[in-house]
Amino acid sequence: MKAELTKIANAVYTAYRDLPKGFDKHVPVGRGASGSATSQVDKYAEDVVLRYLDEEGIELNVLSEEAGFVDRGSKRVLVIDPIDGTLNCTRGIPFFSVSLAIGKSRLSDCEHALVKNLFTGDAYYARRGGGSELNGHRIAVSKYIRDDAVFIMFDGVDAAPESERVKLLASRVRTMGCASLEMCLVAQGAVQAHYMNCTNFNRMIRVVDIAASCLILREAGGEIVDLEGNKLDMGFDLQDRKNFLAYGDPKVKELVLRR
């Protein structure tokens, strides 16, 4: 399925690059199945994926942030976030992606995953049991060293108070605004953790945001857990949302989730 996912991601990448200069990416066009506002660029990217599946006769059901679940008569599901990091995309911040994963019904049974940075063109891919790669080269998580550690964290008005303590465990903290790419940075060892502790349920992570990057991280030697320390697993349900910790070195889990 690597070839198929690559072609789908490339179709979105090409379509995005070919957008006319006057295209108003930020214009709202309603609300998606997840309840989040849908911008014109979200709908545009999703339509590219759905049209490609139809034209190429690829028999996969679809779960997407905008369209919801689309039954196309398959036993497997393509979990899509057509534009992850929509706010970045619409404001000209060069950090957003298309996220694609194939599974049956939940995170734990995803078999293939691809995340493509729609600004740089970089592509992360993983196959269950086959490791993870960036642009065809194997990647792996890195060790935690306090004086050199970089954490990516959810921040802002809805950040839980506990986040302030977690910030002190890193030398530097970043907030990037695209969960799929943020988790891929953990997978490639560029950062040592991605921590989300949000007090607003509606802003917590959804399965479409992380289905692909979760497999990429785990195949790179890392893990993602809920804030009780349990291995994170989510059904293919747009209404479910979670806080989480993604990490490479188990020492990060011990430090972040200590009670």
Protein backbone atom coordinates (compact mmCIF):
# COMPACT_ATOMS: atom_id res chain seq x y z
CA MET A 1 0.00 0.00 0.00
CA LYS A 2 2.99 2.33 0.17
CA ALA A 3 2.71 3.13 -3.51
CA GLU A 4 -1.01 3.86 -3.25
CA LEU A 5 -0.63 6.12 -0.21
CA THR A 6 2.25 7.93 -1.87
CA LYS A 7 0.15 8.60 -4.97
CA ILE A 8 -2.77 9.88 -2.89
CA ALA A 9 -0.50 12.18 -0.87
CA ASN A 10 1.21 13.40 -4.04
CA ALA A 11 -2.16 14.17 -5.59
CA VAL A 12 -3.00 16.41 -2.61
CA TYR A 13 0.47 17.97 -2.67
CA THR A 14 0.24 18.76 -6.40
CA ALA A 15 -3.30 20.09 -6.12
CA TYR A 16 -2.28 22.34 -3.24
CA ARG A 17 0.76 23.67 -5.11
CA ASP A 18 -1.44 24.40 -8.13
CA LEU A 19 -3.99 26.47 -6.22
CA PRO A 20 -4.59 29.81 -7.94
CA LYS A 21 -3.23 32.85 -6.13
CA GLY A 22 -6.73 34.17 -5.51
CA PHE A 23 -7.95 31.00 -3.77
CA ASP A 24 -9.32 31.97 -0.34
CA LYS A 25 -8.08 29.06 1.77
CA HIS A 26 -9.55 30.36 5.02
CA VAL A 27 -13.15 30.85 3.83
CA PRO A 28 -15.47 28.70 5.99
CA VAL A 29 -17.77 26.35 4.08
CA GLY A 30 -19.62 24.74 7.00
CA ARG A 31 -18.79 22.20 9.67
CA GLY A 32 -17.29 18.79 9.14
CA ALA A 33 -18.47 15.48 10.57
CA SER A 34 -16.12 15.96 13.54
CA GLY A 35 -17.90 19.19 14.48
CA SER A 36 -14.94 21.39 13.61
CA ALA A 37 -15.27 24.29 11.20
CA THR A 38 -14.42 23.35 7.62
CA SER A 39 -12.40 25.82 5.59
CA GLN A 40 -12.40 25.90 1.81
CA VAL A 41 -8.91 24.39 1.66
CA ASP A 42 -9.95 21.45 3.90
CA LYS A 43 -12.81 20.60 1.56
CA TYR A 44 -10.63 21.07 -1.50
CA ALA A 45 -7.99 18.62 -0.23
CA GLU A 46 -10.57 16.06 0.87
CA ASP A 47 -12.24 16.17 -2.55
CA VAL A 48 -8.87 15.46 -4.17
CA VAL A 49 -8.51 12.27 -2.10
CA LEU A 50 -12.06 11.03 -2.67
CA ARG A 51 -11.86 11.73 -6.39
CA TYR A 52 -8.53 9.89 -6.66
CA LEU A 53 -9.95 6.81 -4.91
CA ASP A 54 -12.89 6.74 -7.31
CA GLU A 55 -10.83 7.32 -10.44
CA GLU A 56 -8.26 4.65 -9.54
CA GLY A 57 -10.81 2.14 -8.24
CA ILE A 58 -9.11 1.85 -4.83
CA GLU A 59 -11.50 -0.11 -2.62
CA LEU A 60 -11.18 1.44 0.82
CA ASN A 61 -13.78 2.91 3.12
CA VAL A 62 -12.95 6.42 4.28
CA LEU A 63 -12.98 8.22 7.61
CA SER A 64 -12.28 11.90 7.13
CA GLU A 65 -12.47 14.99 9.29
CA GLU A 66 -14.91 16.66 6.92
CA ALA A 67 -16.99 13.91 5.24
CA GLY A 68 -17.08 11.56 8.22
CA PHE A 69 -17.33 7.82 7.49
CA VAL A 70 -17.84 6.91 3.84
CA ASP A 71 -18.79 3.26 3.26
CA ARG A 72 -17.27 2.15 -0.03
CA GLY A 73 -17.80 -1.57 0.53
CA SER A 74 -14.40 -2.46 1.97
CA LYS A 75 -13.24 -4.15 5.19
CA ARG A 76 -10.43 -1.63 5.55
CA VAL A 77 -10.60 2.10 6.23
CA LEU A 78 -8.47 4.96 4.97
CA VAL A 79 -8.27 7.44 7.85
CA ILE A 80 -7.64 10.92 6.48
CA ASP A 81 -6.90 14.37 7.75
CA PRO A 82 -6.80 16.19 4.39
CA ILE A 83 -5.14 19.26 5.91
CA ASP A 84 -3.70 18.77 9.38
CA GLY A 85 -2.66 22.17 10.66
CA THR A 86 -5.37 24.12 8.85
CA LEU A 87 -4.71 27.29 10.85
CA ASN A 88 -1.04 27.18 9.84
CA CYS A 89 -2.04 26.62 6.22
CA THR A 90 -4.53 29.49 6.05
CA ARG A 91 -2.18 31.94 7.78
CA GLY A 92 0.88 31.13 5.71
CA ILE A 93 2.78 29.25 8.42
CA PRO A 94 4.76 26.53 6.56
CA PHE A 95 3.93 23.55 8.80
CA PHE A 96 0.89 21.51 7.71
CA SER A 97 0.31 18.08 6.19
CA VAL A 98 -1.94 15.46 4.69
CA SER A 99 -2.24 12.45 7.02
CA LEU A 100 -3.23 8.98 5.74
CA ALA A 101 -3.54 5.65 7.59
CA ILE A 102 -5.07 2.29 6.71
CA GLY A 103 -6.66 0.09 9.37
CA LYS A 104 -9.83 -1.78 10.24
CA SER A 105 -11.47 -0.09 13.21
CA ARG A 106 -8.94 1.51 15.59
CA LEU A 107 -5.42 2.85 16.09
CA SER A 108 -4.07 -0.49 17.24
CA ASP A 109 -4.86 -2.25 13.97
CA CYS A 110 -3.46 0.35 11.56
CA GLU A 111 -1.11 -1.33 9.10
CA HIS A 112 0.19 1.45 6.85
CA ALA A 113 0.67 5.17 7.41
CA LEU A 114 1.93 8.17 5.50
CA VAL A 115 2.26 11.83 6.51
CA LYS A 116 3.35 14.33 3.88
CA ASN A 117 4.43 17.87 4.67
CA LEU A 118 2.48 19.93 2.13
CA PHE A 119 4.98 22.78 2.23
CA THR A 120 8.32 20.96 1.97
CA GLY A 121 7.13 17.76 0.29
CA ASP A 122 8.85 15.56 2.91
CA ALA A 123 7.07 12.24 3.44
CA TYR A 124 7.06 9.91 6.45
CA TYR A 125 5.93 6.32 5.96
CA ALA A 126 5.53 3.26 8.18
CA ARG A 127 4.33 -0.30 7.76
CA ARG A 128 3.41 -2.39 10.79
CA GLY A 129 6.46 -4.50 11.61
CA GLY A 130 8.50 -2.79 8.90
CA GLY A 131 9.91 0.29 10.63
CA SER A 132 9.53 3.96 9.76
CA GLU A 133 11.19 6.16 7.19
CA LEU A 134 11.52 9.76 6.07
CA ASN A 135 11.93 10.21 2.32
CA GLY A 136 12.96 6.58 2.04
CA HIS A 137 15.55 6.64 4.86
CA ARG A 138 15.02 4.82 8.15
CA ILE A 139 14.35 6.95 11.22
CA ALA A 140 14.41 6.28 14.95
CA VAL A 141 13.65 8.08 18.19
CA SER A 142 16.36 9.67 20.35
CA LYS A 143 17.42 9.48 23.98
CA TYR A 144 16.33 12.05 26.55
CA ILE A 145 19.10 14.29 27.88
CA ARG A 146 17.73 17.12 30.00
CA ASP A 147 20.10 19.85 28.83
CA ASP A 148 19.53 19.03 25.17
CA ALA A 149 15.85 18.04 25.21
CA VAL A 150 13.19 19.72 23.08
CA PHE A 151 9.52 19.12 23.90
CA ILE A 152 6.57 19.99 21.69
CA MET A 153 3.60 20.94 23.86
CA PHE A 154 0.02 22.11 23.58
CA ASP A 155 -0.07 25.63 24.98
CA GLY A 156 -2.42 28.58 25.26
CA VAL A 157 -5.66 29.40 27.04
CA ASP A 158 -6.81 25.76 27.46
CA ALA A 159 -3.49 24.26 28.57
CA ALA A 160 -3.76 22.39 31.88
CA PRO A 161 -1.77 23.84 34.84
CA GLU A 162 0.34 20.66 34.97
CA SER A 163 1.90 21.72 31.67
CA GLU A 164 4.01 24.31 33.48
CA ARG A 165 5.83 21.58 35.44
CA VAL A 166 6.39 19.54 32.27
CA LYS A 167 7.99 22.53 30.53
CA LEU A 168 10.77 22.47 33.12
CA LEU A 169 11.82 18.99 32.00
CA ALA A 170 13.05 20.30 28.65
CA SER A 171 15.76 22.70 27.59
CA ARG A 172 13.46 24.16 24.92
CA VAL A 173 9.70 24.02 24.27
CA ARG A 174 7.92 24.45 20.95
CA THR A 175 4.26 24.66 19.89
CA MET A 176 3.88 23.91 16.19
CA GLY A 177 0.16 23.44 15.52
CA CYS A 178 0.15 20.26 13.41
CA ALA A 179 -0.14 17.06 15.46
CA SER A 180 0.80 14.64 12.69
CA LEU A 181 4.07 16.40 11.85
CA GLU A 182 4.81 17.13 15.51
CA MET A 183 4.63 13.43 16.33
CA CYS A 184 6.75 12.60 13.31
CA LEU A 185 9.43 14.91 14.73
CA VAL A 186 9.47 12.67 17.81
CA ALA A 187 9.72 9.63 15.54
CA GLN A 188 12.80 10.99 13.75
CA GLY A 189 14.49 11.96 17.03
CA ALA A 190 14.41 15.71 16.38
CA VAL A 191 12.43 16.26 19.59
CA GLN A 192 12.00 14.02 22.60
CA ALA A 193 8.31 14.44 23.44
CA HIS A 194 4.95 15.71 22.27
CA TYR A 195 2.69 16.46 25.24
CA MET A 196 -0.96 17.47 25.09
CA ASN A 197 -2.82 18.25 28.30
CA CYS A 198 -5.85 20.32 27.33
CA THR A 199 -8.76 21.25 29.59
CA ASN A 200 -11.17 21.78 26.68
CA PHE A 201 -12.52 18.46 25.38
CA ASN A 202 -13.32 19.94 21.99
CA ARG A 203 -9.67 20.83 21.39
CA MET A 204 -8.22 17.45 22.37
CA ILE A 205 -6.75 15.18 19.71
CA ARG A 206 -8.92 13.12 17.34
CA VAL A 207 -8.10 9.82 15.70
CA VAL A 208 -7.89 11.43 12.22
CA ASP A 209 -5.13 13.72 13.52
CA ILE A 210 -2.83 10.96 14.74
CA ALA A 211 -3.77 7.64 13.12
CA ALA A 212 -0.83 7.85 10.73
CA SER A 213 1.76 9.48 12.96
CA CYS A 214 0.98 7.05 15.81
CA LEU A 215 2.08 4.09 13.69
CA ILE A 216 5.08 6.04 12.39
CA LEU A 217 6.18 6.81 15.95
CA ARG A 218 5.71 3.27 17.23
CA GLU A 219 7.57 1.77 14.28
CA ALA A 220 10.42 4.22 14.97
CA GLY A 221 10.76 2.83 18.51
CA GLY A 222 8.59 5.31 20.39
CA GLU A 223 5.24 5.17 22.11
CA ILE A 224 2.10 7.23 22.72
CA VAL A 225 0.10 6.89 25.93
CA ASP A 226 -2.82 8.60 27.61
CA LEU A 227 -2.11 10.74 30.66
CA GLU A 228 -2.71 7.77 32.95
CA GLY A 229 0.21 6.03 31.27
CA ASN A 230 -1.83 3.50 29.29
CA LYS A 231 -0.97 2.73 25.68
CA LEU A 232 -3.21 4.98 23.63
CA ASP A 233 -5.83 3.29 21.50
CA MET A 234 -8.77 5.04 19.86
CA GLY A 235 -11.58 3.68 17.72
CA PHE A 236 -12.32 5.18 14.32
CA ASP A 237 -14.80 7.57 15.91
CA LEU A 238 -14.70 11.31 15.21
CA GLN A 239 -16.43 12.10 18.51
CA ASP A 240 -13.66 10.60 20.65
CA ARG A 241 -10.90 12.96 21.80
CA LYS A 242 -7.88 12.40 24.03
CA ASN A 243 -4.94 14.04 25.76
CA PHE A 244 -1.67 12.19 25.31
CA LEU A 245 2.09 11.93 25.69
CA ALA A 246 4.23 10.79 22.75
CA TYR A 247 7.87 9.99 23.48
CA GLY A 248 10.92 8.10 22.32
CA ASP A 249 12.78 7.43 25.58
CA PRO A 250 10.71 5.69 28.35
CA LYS A 251 12.48 7.99 30.84
CA VAL A 252 10.33 10.83 29.49
CA LYS A 253 7.18 8.94 30.44
CA GLU A 254 8.48 8.40 33.96
CA LEU A 255 9.28 12.09 34.44
CA VAL A 256 6.21 13.58 32.77
CA LEU A 257 3.55 11.30 34.24
CA ARG A 258 4.91 10.96 37.77
CA ARG A 259 2.30 11.65 40.40
